[in-house]
Amino acid sequence: MKSEFFAMISRMKYIDRWALMRNTERESLSQHSYEVAVLAHALAVLSNRRLGTDLDPDRAAVLGLYHDAAEILTGDMPTPVKYYSPEIRGAYKDVEAAAQKRLVNMLPDDLKPDFDGILTMEDEDQELRKLVKAADKLSALIKCTEEEKAGNREFEKAKESTEAALHALQCDAAELFLTEFMPSYSLTLDQLK
Protein backbone atom coordinates (compact mmCIF):
# COMPACT_ATOMS: atom_id res chain seq x y z
CA MET A 1 0.00 0.00 0.00
CA LYS A 2 1.32 3.42 -0.92
CA SER A 3 1.21 6.16 1.71
CA GLU A 4 1.62 9.92 1.44
CA PHE A 5 2.20 10.47 5.19
CA PHE A 6 5.95 11.12 5.13
CA ALA A 7 5.76 13.17 1.96
CA MET A 8 3.22 15.36 3.77
CA ILE A 9 5.38 15.54 6.92
CA SER A 10 8.28 16.63 4.72
CA ARG A 11 6.25 19.71 3.78
CA MET A 12 6.87 21.21 7.22
CA LYS A 13 9.76 23.04 5.61
CA TYR A 14 7.30 25.10 3.54
CA ILE A 15 5.26 26.39 6.48
CA ASP A 16 6.55 29.72 7.79
CA ARG A 17 6.10 30.69 11.41
CA TRP A 18 5.55 34.20 12.80
CA ALA A 19 3.62 35.26 9.70
CA LEU A 20 2.28 38.49 11.21
CA MET A 21 5.71 39.64 12.36
CA ARG A 22 8.54 41.25 10.44
CA ASN A 23 11.36 38.70 10.73
CA THR A 24 15.08 39.26 10.23
CA GLU A 25 15.32 35.53 9.56
CA ARG A 26 12.59 33.20 8.34
CA GLU A 27 11.74 30.21 10.55
CA SER A 28 10.03 27.18 9.06
CA LEU A 29 7.87 24.69 10.91
CA SER A 30 10.52 22.00 10.40
CA GLN A 31 13.22 24.20 11.97
CA HIS A 32 10.94 24.93 14.90
CA SER A 33 9.99 21.26 15.34
CA TYR A 34 13.64 20.21 15.36
CA GLU A 35 14.43 22.80 18.01
CA VAL A 36 11.43 21.76 20.13
CA ALA A 37 12.59 18.14 19.91
CA VAL A 38 16.09 19.08 21.09
CA LEU A 39 14.69 21.23 23.90
CA ALA A 40 12.11 18.62 25.01
CA HIS A 41 14.88 16.03 25.19
CA ALA A 42 17.05 18.45 27.19
CA LEU A 43 14.22 19.28 29.59
CA ALA A 44 13.53 15.58 30.23
CA VAL A 45 17.22 14.95 30.91
CA LEU A 46 17.39 17.99 33.22
CA SER A 47 14.26 16.84 35.00
CA ASN A 48 15.63 13.34 35.51
CA ARG A 49 19.13 14.39 36.62
CA ARG A 50 18.30 17.44 38.69
CA LEU A 51 14.73 16.92 39.84
CA GLY A 52 14.63 13.14 40.34
CA THR A 53 11.96 12.32 37.78
CA ASP A 54 11.88 9.28 35.51
CA LEU A 55 10.83 10.71 32.15
CA ASP A 56 11.73 9.26 28.76
CA PRO A 57 13.91 11.86 26.97
CA ASP A 58 13.69 9.96 23.68
CA ARG A 59 9.88 10.00 23.81
CA ALA A 60 9.97 13.71 24.63
CA ALA A 61 12.13 14.33 21.55
CA VAL A 62 9.79 12.39 19.26
CA LEU A 63 6.76 14.23 20.63
CA GLY A 64 8.59 17.50 20.01
CA LEU A 65 9.30 16.55 16.40
CA TYR A 66 5.62 15.99 15.66
CA HIS A 67 3.99 18.44 18.12
CA ASP A 68 2.90 20.90 15.40
CA ALA A 69 2.52 18.47 12.48
CA ALA A 70 -1.13 19.46 12.04
CA GLU A 71 0.09 22.91 10.98
CA ILE A 72 1.15 21.38 7.67
CA LEU A 73 -2.57 21.40 6.89
CA THR A 74 -3.74 24.33 9.02
CA GLY A 75 -0.81 26.70 8.71
CA ASP A 76 0.69 28.47 11.71
CA MET A 77 -2.11 30.32 13.47
CA PRO A 78 -0.64 33.46 15.09
CA THR A 79 -0.93 33.37 18.88
CA PRO A 80 -2.92 36.63 19.19
CA VAL A 81 -5.52 35.18 16.81
CA LYS A 82 -5.51 31.66 18.26
CA TYR A 83 -6.13 32.90 21.81
CA TYR A 84 -8.33 35.90 20.97
CA SER A 85 -11.43 34.29 22.46
CA PRO A 86 -12.53 30.94 23.89
CA GLU A 87 -14.69 30.41 20.79
CA ILE A 88 -11.77 30.87 18.40
CA ARG A 89 -9.50 28.69 20.55
CA GLY A 90 -12.16 25.95 20.63
CA ALA A 91 -12.73 26.14 16.89
CA TYR A 92 -8.99 25.99 16.26
CA LYS A 93 -8.68 22.91 18.49
CA ASP A 94 -11.38 21.23 16.39
CA VAL A 95 -9.57 22.13 13.15
CA GLU A 96 -6.28 20.91 14.61
CA ALA A 97 -7.86 17.60 15.69
CA ALA A 98 -9.31 17.11 12.20
CA ALA A 99 -5.88 17.80 10.66
CA GLN A 100 -4.22 15.32 13.03
CA LYS A 101 -6.81 12.69 12.11
CA ARG A 102 -6.26 13.35 8.40
CA LEU A 103 -2.50 12.87 8.82
CA VAL A 104 -2.98 9.61 10.74
CA ASN A 105 -5.39 8.37 8.07
CA MET A 106 -2.65 8.81 5.47
CA LEU A 107 -0.74 5.94 7.12
CA PRO A 108 -1.14 2.23 6.45
CA ASP A 109 -3.45 0.67 9.05
CA ASP A 110 -0.66 -1.21 10.83
CA LEU A 111 1.27 2.03 11.50
CA LYS A 112 -1.65 4.18 12.62
CA PRO A 113 -1.49 3.20 16.32
CA ASP A 114 2.20 4.14 16.49
CA PHE A 115 1.66 7.65 15.14
CA ASP A 116 -1.81 8.48 16.45
CA GLY A 117 -0.55 8.95 20.01
CA ILE A 118 2.46 10.93 18.86
CA LEU A 119 0.40 13.38 16.81
CA THR A 120 -2.32 13.92 19.41
CA MET A 121 -0.40 13.32 22.66
CA GLU A 122 -3.77 12.26 24.12
CA ASP A 123 -2.40 9.24 25.96
CA GLU A 124 0.81 10.88 27.12
CA ASP A 125 1.81 11.43 30.71
CA GLN A 126 0.86 14.96 31.79
CA GLU A 127 4.43 15.75 32.86
CA LEU A 128 5.78 14.81 29.43
CA ARG A 129 3.09 16.91 27.73
CA LYS A 130 4.05 19.83 29.96
CA LEU A 131 7.72 19.43 29.02
CA VAL A 132 6.90 19.52 25.30
CA LYS A 133 4.74 22.61 25.84
CA ALA A 134 7.60 24.23 27.76
CA ALA A 135 10.03 23.30 24.98
CA ASP A 136 7.65 24.90 22.47
CA LYS A 137 7.60 28.11 24.52
CA LEU A 138 11.39 28.01 24.95
CA SER A 139 11.79 27.73 21.19
CA ALA A 140 9.57 30.81 20.75
CA LEU A 141 11.58 32.67 23.41
CA ILE A 142 14.81 31.76 21.60
CA LYS A 143 13.36 33.12 18.35
CA CYS A 144 12.38 36.36 20.10
CA THR A 145 15.85 36.64 21.64
CA GLU A 146 17.52 36.09 18.27
CA GLU A 147 15.32 38.73 16.63
CA GLU A 148 16.03 41.16 19.46
CA LYS A 149 19.77 40.47 19.12
CA ALA A 150 19.48 41.36 15.42
CA GLY A 151 17.94 44.72 16.35
CA ASN A 152 14.36 43.80 15.51
CA ARG A 153 12.08 45.46 18.07
CA GLU A 154 9.04 43.77 16.50
CA PHE A 155 9.45 40.84 18.92
CA GLU A 156 9.64 42.80 22.21
CA LYS A 157 6.05 42.17 23.31
CA ALA A 158 6.12 38.61 22.01
CA LYS A 159 9.21 37.98 24.13
CA GLU A 160 7.52 39.37 27.25
CA SER A 161 4.33 37.36 26.76
CA THR A 162 6.21 34.18 25.84
CA GLU A 163 8.38 34.44 28.94
CA ALA A 164 5.30 35.01 31.10
CA ALA A 165 3.54 32.01 29.52
CA LEU A 166 6.62 29.89 30.12
CA HIS A 167 6.74 30.83 33.81
CA ALA A 168 2.98 30.19 34.07
CA LEU A 169 3.56 26.55 33.05
CA GLN A 170 5.39 26.05 36.36
CA CYS A 171 7.81 23.63 34.74
CA ASP A 172 10.84 23.28 37.00
CA ALA A 173 13.04 21.88 34.23
CA ALA A 174 12.23 24.89 32.04
CA GLU A 175 13.11 27.24 34.88
CA LEU A 176 16.47 25.45 35.20
CA PHE A 177 17.01 25.86 31.45
CA LEU A 178 16.16 29.57 31.63
CA THR A 179 18.70 30.11 34.38
CA GLU A 180 21.51 27.92 33.13
CA PHE A 181 21.29 27.87 29.33
CA MET A 182 19.10 30.74 28.10
CA PRO A 183 21.60 33.58 28.77
CA SER A 184 24.02 32.15 26.20
CA TYR A 185 21.48 32.72 23.40
CA SER A 186 22.23 36.45 23.71
CA LEU A 187 25.94 35.92 23.03
CA THR A 188 27.72 36.37 19.72
CA LEU A 189 29.59 33.50 18.10
CA ASP A 190 32.91 34.88 19.34
CA GLN A 191 31.58 34.96 22.90
CA LEU A 192 30.58 31.29 22.87
CA LYS A 193 33.40 29.17 24.25
C-alpha atoms as a PDB file:
ATOM      1  CA  MET A   1       0.000   0.000   0.000  1.00  0.00           C
ATOM      2  CA  LYS A   2       1.316   3.421  -0.916  1.00  0.00           C
ATOM      3  CA  SER A   3       1.215   6.155   1.706  1.00  0.00           C
ATOM      4  CA  GLU A   4       1.619   9.918   1.437  1.00  0.00           C
ATOM      5  CA  PHE A   5       2.202  10.474   5.188  1.00  0.00           C
ATOM      6  CA  PHE A   6       5.951  11.124   5.135  1.00  0.00           C
ATOM      7  CA  ALA A   7       5.762  13.173   1.955  1.00  0.00           C
ATOM      8  CA  MET A   8       3.219  15.355   3.765  1.00  0.00           C
ATOM      9  CA  ILE A   9       5.376  15.539   6.922  1.00  0.00           C
ATOM     10  CA  SER A  10       8.280  16.629   4.720  1.00  0.00           C
ATOM     11  CA  ARG A  11       6.254  19.711   3.781  1.00  0.00           C
ATOM     12  CA  MET A  12       6.874  21.211   7.224  1.00  0.00           C
ATOM     13  CA  LYS A  13       9.761  23.044   5.606  1.00  0.00           C
ATOM     14  CA  TYR A  14       7.303  25.100   3.541  1.00  0.00           C
ATOM     15  CA  ILE A  15       5.261  26.392   6.484  1.00  0.00           C
ATOM     16  CA  ASP A  16       6.547  29.721   7.792  1.00  0.00           C
ATOM     17  CA  ARG A  17       6.104  30.691  11.411  1.00  0.00           C
ATOM     18  CA  TRP A  18       5.554  34.197  12.805  1.00  0.00           C
ATOM     19  CA  ALA A  19       3.624  35.263   9.700  1.00  0.00           C
ATOM     20  CA  LEU A  20       2.277  38.490  11.214  1.00  0.00           C
ATOM     21  CA  MET A  21       5.708  39.638  12.359  1.00  0.00           C
ATOM     22  CA  ARG A  22       8.537  41.251  10.435  1.00  0.00           C
ATOM     23  CA  ASN A  23      11.364  38.703  10.729  1.00  0.00           C
ATOM     24  CA  THR A  24      15.075  39.259  10.228  1.00  0.00           C
ATOM     25  CA  GLU A  25      15.318  35.535   9.561  1.00  0.00           C
ATOM     26  CA  ARG A  26      12.591  33.201   8.341  1.00  0.00           C
ATOM     27  CA  GLU A  27      11.741  30.212  10.552  1.00  0.00           C
ATOM     28  CA  SER A  28      10.032  27.181   9.060  1.00  0.00           C
ATOM     29  CA  LEU A  29       7.869  24.694  10.911  1.00  0.00           C
ATOM     30  CA  SER A  30      10.522  22.001  10.399  1.00  0.00           C
ATOM     31  CA  GLN A  31      13.220  24.204  11.972  1.00  0.00           C
ATOM     32  CA  HIS A  32      10.942  24.928  14.903  1.00  0.00           C
ATOM     33  CA  SER A  33       9.993  21.263  15.338  1.00  0.00           C
ATOM     34  CA  TYR A  34      13.642  20.210  15.357  1.00  0.00           C
ATOM     35  CA  GLU A  35      14.429  22.802  18.014  1.00  0.00           C
ATOM     36  CA  VAL A  36      11.430  21.764  20.131  1.00  0.00           C
ATOM     37  CA  ALA A  37      12.590  18.138  19.910  1.00  0.00           C
ATOM     38  CA  VAL A  38      16.090  19.080  21.094  1.00  0.00           C
ATOM     39  CA  LEU A  39      14.693  21.226  23.900  1.00  0.00           C
ATOM     40  CA  ALA A  40      12.114  18.622  25.009  1.00  0.00           C
ATOM     41  CA  HIS A  41      14.885  16.030  25.188  1.00  0.00           C
ATOM     42  CA  ALA A  42      17.054  18.451  27.191  1.00  0.00           C
ATOM     43  CA  LEU A  43      14.220  19.281  29.591  1.00  0.00           C
ATOM     44  CA  ALA A  44      13.526  15.580  30.229  1.00  0.00           C
ATOM     45  CA  VAL A  45      17.219  14.953  30.914  1.00  0.00           C
ATOM     46  CA  LEU A  46      17.386  17.990  33.217  1.00  0.00           C
ATOM     47  CA  SER A  47      14.257  16.841  35.005  1.00  0.00           C
ATOM     48  CA  ASN A  48      15.632  13.339  35.505  1.00  0.00           C
ATOM     49  CA  ARG A  49      19.126  14.389  36.620  1.00  0.00           C
ATOM     50  CA  ARG A  50      18.304  17.442  38.693  1.00  0.00           C
ATOM     51  CA  LEU A  51      14.728  16.916  39.841  1.00  0.00           C
ATOM     52  CA  GLY A  52      14.632  13.136  40.339  1.00  0.00           C
ATOM     53  CA  THR A  53      11.958  12.317  37.777  1.00  0.00           C
ATOM     54  CA  ASP A  54      11.880   9.276  35.512  1.00  0.00           C
ATOM     55  CA  LEU A  55      10.831  10.707  32.154  1.00  0.00           C
ATOM     56  CA  ASP A  56      11.730   9.257  28.760  1.00  0.00           C
ATOM     57  CA  PRO A  57      13.906  11.861  26.970  1.00  0.00           C
ATOM     58  CA  ASP A  58      13.687   9.962  23.679  1.00  0.00           C
ATOM     59  CA  ARG A  59       9.882   9.996  23.808  1.00  0.00           C
ATOM     60  CA  ALA A  60       9.971  13.706  24.634  1.00  0.00           C
ATOM     61  CA  ALA A  61      12.127  14.332  21.549  1.00  0.00           C
ATOM     62  CA  VAL A  62       9.791  12.393  19.265  1.00  0.00           C
ATOM     63  CA  LEU A  63       6.755  14.226  20.631  1.00  0.00           C
ATOM     64  CA  GLY A  64       8.589  17.502  20.013  1.00  0.00           C
ATOM     65  CA  LEU A  65       9.299  16.552  16.402  1.00  0.00           C
ATOM     66  CA  TYR A  66       5.618  15.991  15.657  1.00  0.00           C
ATOM     67  CA  HIS A  67       3.993  18.437  18.121  1.00  0.00           C
ATOM     68  CA  ASP A  68       2.900  20.902  15.398  1.00  0.00           C
ATOM     69  CA  ALA A  69       2.521  18.469  12.481  1.00  0.00           C
ATOM     70  CA  ALA A  70      -1.128  19.461  12.041  1.00  0.00           C
ATOM     71  CA  GLU A  71       0.087  22.915  10.983  1.00  0.00           C
ATOM     72  CA  ILE A  72       1.154  21.377   7.671  1.00  0.00           C
ATOM     73  CA  LEU A  73      -2.568  21.395   6.891  1.00  0.00           C
ATOM     74  CA  THR A  74      -3.743  24.328   9.019  1.00  0.00           C
ATOM     75  CA  GLY A  75      -0.806  26.704   8.712  1.00  0.00           C
ATOM     76  CA  ASP A  76       0.689  28.470  11.714  1.00  0.00           C
ATOM     77  CA  MET A  77      -2.112  30.322  13.465  1.00  0.00           C
ATOM     78  CA  PRO A  78      -0.642  33.462  15.086  1.00  0.00           C
ATOM     79  CA  THR A  79      -0.928  33.367  18.885  1.00  0.00           C
ATOM     80  CA  PRO A  80      -2.924  36.628  19.187  1.00  0.00           C
ATOM     81  CA  VAL A  81      -5.518  35.178  16.812  1.00  0.00           C
ATOM     82  CA  LYS A  82      -5.514  31.658  18.264  1.00  0.00           C
ATOM     83  CA  TYR A  83      -6.126  32.899  21.806  1.00  0.00           C
ATOM     84  CA  TYR A  84      -8.328  35.898  20.971  1.00  0.00           C
ATOM     85  CA  SER A  85     -11.430  34.294  22.460  1.00  0.00           C
ATOM     86  CA  PRO A  86     -12.531  30.941  23.890  1.00  0.00           C
ATOM     87  CA  GLU A  87     -14.687  30.411  20.792  1.00  0.00           C
ATOM     88  CA  ILE A  88     -11.771  30.870  18.398  1.00  0.00           C
ATOM     89  CA  ARG A  89      -9.504  28.689  20.550  1.00  0.00           C
ATOM     90  CA  GLY A  90     -12.159  25.945  20.625  1.00  0.00           C
ATOM     91  CA  ALA A  91     -12.730  26.139  16.889  1.00  0.00           C
ATOM     92  CA  TYR A  92      -8.987  25.992  16.256  1.00  0.00           C
ATOM     93  CA  LYS A  93      -8.678  22.912  18.495  1.00  0.00           C
ATOM     94  CA  ASP A  94     -11.376  21.232  16.388  1.00  0.00           C
ATOM     95  CA  VAL A  95      -9.570  22.134  13.146  1.00  0.00           C
ATOM     96  CA  GLU A  96      -6.281  20.913  14.608  1.00  0.00           C
ATOM     97  CA  ALA A  97      -7.863  17.597  15.689  1.00  0.00           C
ATOM     98  CA  ALA A  98      -9.308  17.106  12.198  1.00  0.00           C
ATOM     99  CA  ALA A  99      -5.879  17.795  10.660  1.00  0.00           C
ATOM    100  CA  GLN A 100      -4.217  15.321  13.026  1.00  0.00           C
ATOM    101  CA  LYS A 101      -6.805  12.691  12.107  1.00  0.00           C
ATOM    102  CA  ARG A 102      -6.256  13.351   8.402  1.00  0.00           C
ATOM    103  CA  LEU A 103      -2.503  12.865   8.823  1.00  0.00           C
ATOM    104  CA  VAL A 104      -2.977   9.610  10.745  1.00  0.00           C
ATOM    105  CA  ASN A 105      -5.388   8.371   8.074  1.00  0.00           C
ATOM    106  CA  MET A 106      -2.646   8.805   5.465  1.00  0.00           C
ATOM    107  CA  LEU A 107      -0.742   5.938   7.124  1.00  0.00           C
ATOM    108  CA  PRO A 108      -1.142   2.226   6.446  1.00  0.00           C
ATOM    109  CA  ASP A 109      -3.448   0.670   9.050  1.00  0.00           C
ATOM    110  CA  ASP A 110      -0.661  -1.211  10.828  1.00  0.00           C
ATOM    111  CA  LEU A 111       1.269   2.031  11.499  1.00  0.00           C
ATOM    112  CA  LYS A 112      -1.653   4.184  12.623  1.00  0.00           C
ATOM    113  CA  PRO A 113      -1.491   3.202  16.322  1.00  0.00           C
ATOM    114  CA  ASP A 114       2.198   4.136  16.492  1.00  0.00           C
ATOM    115  CA  PHE A 115       1.661   7.648  15.145  1.00  0.00           C
ATOM    116  CA  ASP A 116      -1.814   8.483  16.451  1.00  0.00           C
ATOM    117  CA  GLY A 117      -0.552   8.952  20.010  1.00  0.00           C
ATOM    118  CA  ILE A 118       2.464  10.930  18.856  1.00  0.00           C
ATOM    119  CA  LEU A 119       0.399  13.384  16.814  1.00  0.00           C
ATOM    120  CA  THR A 120      -2.318  13.917  19.414  1.00  0.00           C
ATOM    121  CA  MET A 121      -0.398  13.322  22.664  1.00  0.00           C
ATOM    122  CA  GLU A 122      -3.770  12.258  24.119  1.00  0.00           C
ATOM    123  CA  ASP A 123      -2.399   9.235  25.962  1.00  0.00           C
ATOM    124  CA  GLU A 124       0.815  10.876  27.119  1.00  0.00           C
ATOM    125  CA  ASP A 125       1.813  11.431  30.708  1.00  0.00           C
ATOM    126  CA  GLN A 126       0.859  14.957  31.794  1.00  0.00           C
ATOM    127  CA  GLU A 127       4.434  15.750  32.860  1.00  0.00           C
ATOM    128  CA  LEU A 128       5.778  14.812  29.426  1.00  0.00           C
ATOM    129  CA  ARG A 129       3.086  16.908  27.728  1.00  0.00           C
ATOM    130  CA  LYS A 130       4.045  19.831  29.959  1.00  0.00           C
ATOM    131  CA  LEU A 131       7.721  19.427  29.015  1.00  0.00           C
ATOM    132  CA  VAL A 132       6.897  19.516  25.298  1.00  0.00           C
ATOM    133  CA  LYS A 133       4.739  22.608  25.839  1.00  0.00           C
ATOM    134  CA  ALA A 134       7.600  24.231  27.764  1.00  0.00           C
ATOM    135  CA  ALA A 135      10.030  23.297  24.976  1.00  0.00           C
ATOM    136  CA  ASP A 136       7.648  24.904  22.472  1.00  0.00           C
ATOM    137  CA  LYS A 137       7.597  28.112  24.524  1.00  0.00           C
ATOM    138  CA  LEU A 138      11.385  28.007  24.951  1.00  0.00           C
ATOM    139  CA  SER A 139      11.788  27.733  21.189  1.00  0.00           C
ATOM    140  CA  ALA A 140       9.575  30.807  20.753  1.00  0.00           C
ATOM    141  CA  LEU A 141      11.584  32.666  23.405  1.00  0.00           C
ATOM    142  CA  ILE A 142      14.810  31.763  21.602  1.00  0.00           C
ATOM    143  CA  LYS A 143      13.355  33.117  18.350  1.00  0.00           C
ATOM    144  CA  CYS A 144      12.376  36.357  20.103  1.00  0.00           C
ATOM    145  CA  THR A 145      15.852  36.641  21.640  1.00  0.00           C
ATOM    146  CA  GLU A 146      17.525  36.093  18.267  1.00  0.00           C
ATOM    147  CA  GLU A 147      15.322  38.729  16.627  1.00  0.00           C
ATOM    148  CA  GLU A 148      16.033  41.156  19.459  1.00  0.00           C
ATOM    149  CA  LYS A 149      19.766  40.469  19.120  1.00  0.00           C
ATOM    150  CA  ALA A 150      19.478  41.361  15.420  1.00  0.00           C
ATOM    151  CA  GLY A 151      17.940  44.723  16.352  1.00  0.00           C
ATOM    152  CA  ASN A 152      14.358  43.796  15.508  1.00  0.00           C
ATOM    153  CA  ARG A 153      12.081  45.464  18.071  1.00  0.00           C
ATOM    154  CA  GLU A 154       9.036  43.774  16.501  1.00  0.00           C
ATOM    155  CA  PHE A 155       9.445  40.843  18.916  1.00  0.00           C
ATOM    156  CA  GLU A 156       9.645  42.802  22.209  1.00  0.00           C
ATOM    157  CA  LYS A 157       6.046  42.174  23.309  1.00  0.00           C
ATOM    158  CA  ALA A 158       6.120  38.607  22.008  1.00  0.00           C
ATOM    159  CA  LYS A 159       9.207  37.981  24.129  1.00  0.00           C
ATOM    160  CA  GLU A 160       7.516  39.373  27.252  1.00  0.00           C
ATOM    161  CA  SER A 161       4.330  37.364  26.765  1.00  0.00           C
ATOM    162  CA  THR A 162       6.215  34.179  25.842  1.00  0.00           C
ATOM    163  CA  GLU A 163       8.385  34.440  28.939  1.00  0.00           C
ATOM    164  CA  ALA A 164       5.299  35.011  31.097  1.00  0.00           C
ATOM    165  CA  ALA A 165       3.543  32.012  29.519  1.00  0.00           C
ATOM    166  CA  LEU A 166       6.621  29.890  30.122  1.00  0.00           C
ATOM    167  CA  HIS A 167       6.742  30.833  33.814  1.00  0.00           C
ATOM    168  CA  ALA A 168       2.983  30.188  34.069  1.00  0.00           C
ATOM    169  CA  LEU A 169       3.561  26.549  33.049  1.00  0.00           C
ATOM    170  CA  GLN A 170       5.394  26.054  36.361  1.00  0.00           C
ATOM    171  CA  CYS A 171       7.812  23.628  34.740  1.00  0.00           C
ATOM    172  CA  ASP A 172      10.842  23.280  37.002  1.00  0.00           C
ATOM    173  CA  ALA A 173      13.037  21.876  34.228  1.00  0.00           C
ATOM    174  CA  ALA A 174      12.231  24.888  32.036  1.00  0.00           C
ATOM    175  CA  GLU A 175      13.113  27.235  34.880  1.00  0.00           C
ATOM    176  CA  LEU A 176      16.469  25.451  35.202  1.00  0.00           C
ATOM    177  CA  PHE A 177      17.012  25.859  31.455  1.00  0.00           C
ATOM    178  CA  LEU A 178      16.157  29.565  31.626  1.00  0.00           C
ATOM    179  CA  THR A 179      18.701  30.113  34.385  1.00  0.00           C
ATOM    180  CA  GLU A 180      21.508  27.917  33.126  1.00  0.00           C
ATOM    181  CA  PHE A 181      21.288  27.869  29.334  1.00  0.00           C
ATOM    182  CA  MET A 182      19.103  30.742  28.098  1.00  0.00           C
ATOM    183  CA  PRO A 183      21.600  33.576  28.771  1.00  0.00           C
ATOM    184  CA  SER A 184      24.019  32.152  26.197  1.00  0.00           C
ATOM    185  CA  TYR A 185      21.479  32.720  23.403  1.00  0.00           C
ATOM    186  CA  SER A 186      22.226  36.452  23.712  1.00  0.00           C
ATOM    187  CA  LEU A 187      25.941  35.924  23.029  1.00  0.00           C
ATOM    188  CA  THR A 188      27.720  36.373  19.721  1.00  0.00           C
ATOM    189  CA  LEU A 189      29.586  33.497  18.099  1.00  0.00           C
ATOM    190  CA  ASP A 190      32.907  34.879  19.342  1.00  0.00           C
ATOM    191  CA  GLN A 191      31.579  34.964  22.905  1.00  0.00           C
ATOM    192  CA  LEU A 192      30.576  31.285  22.866  1.00  0.00           C
ATOM    193  CA  LYS A 193      33.395  29.173  24.252  1.00  0.00           C
END
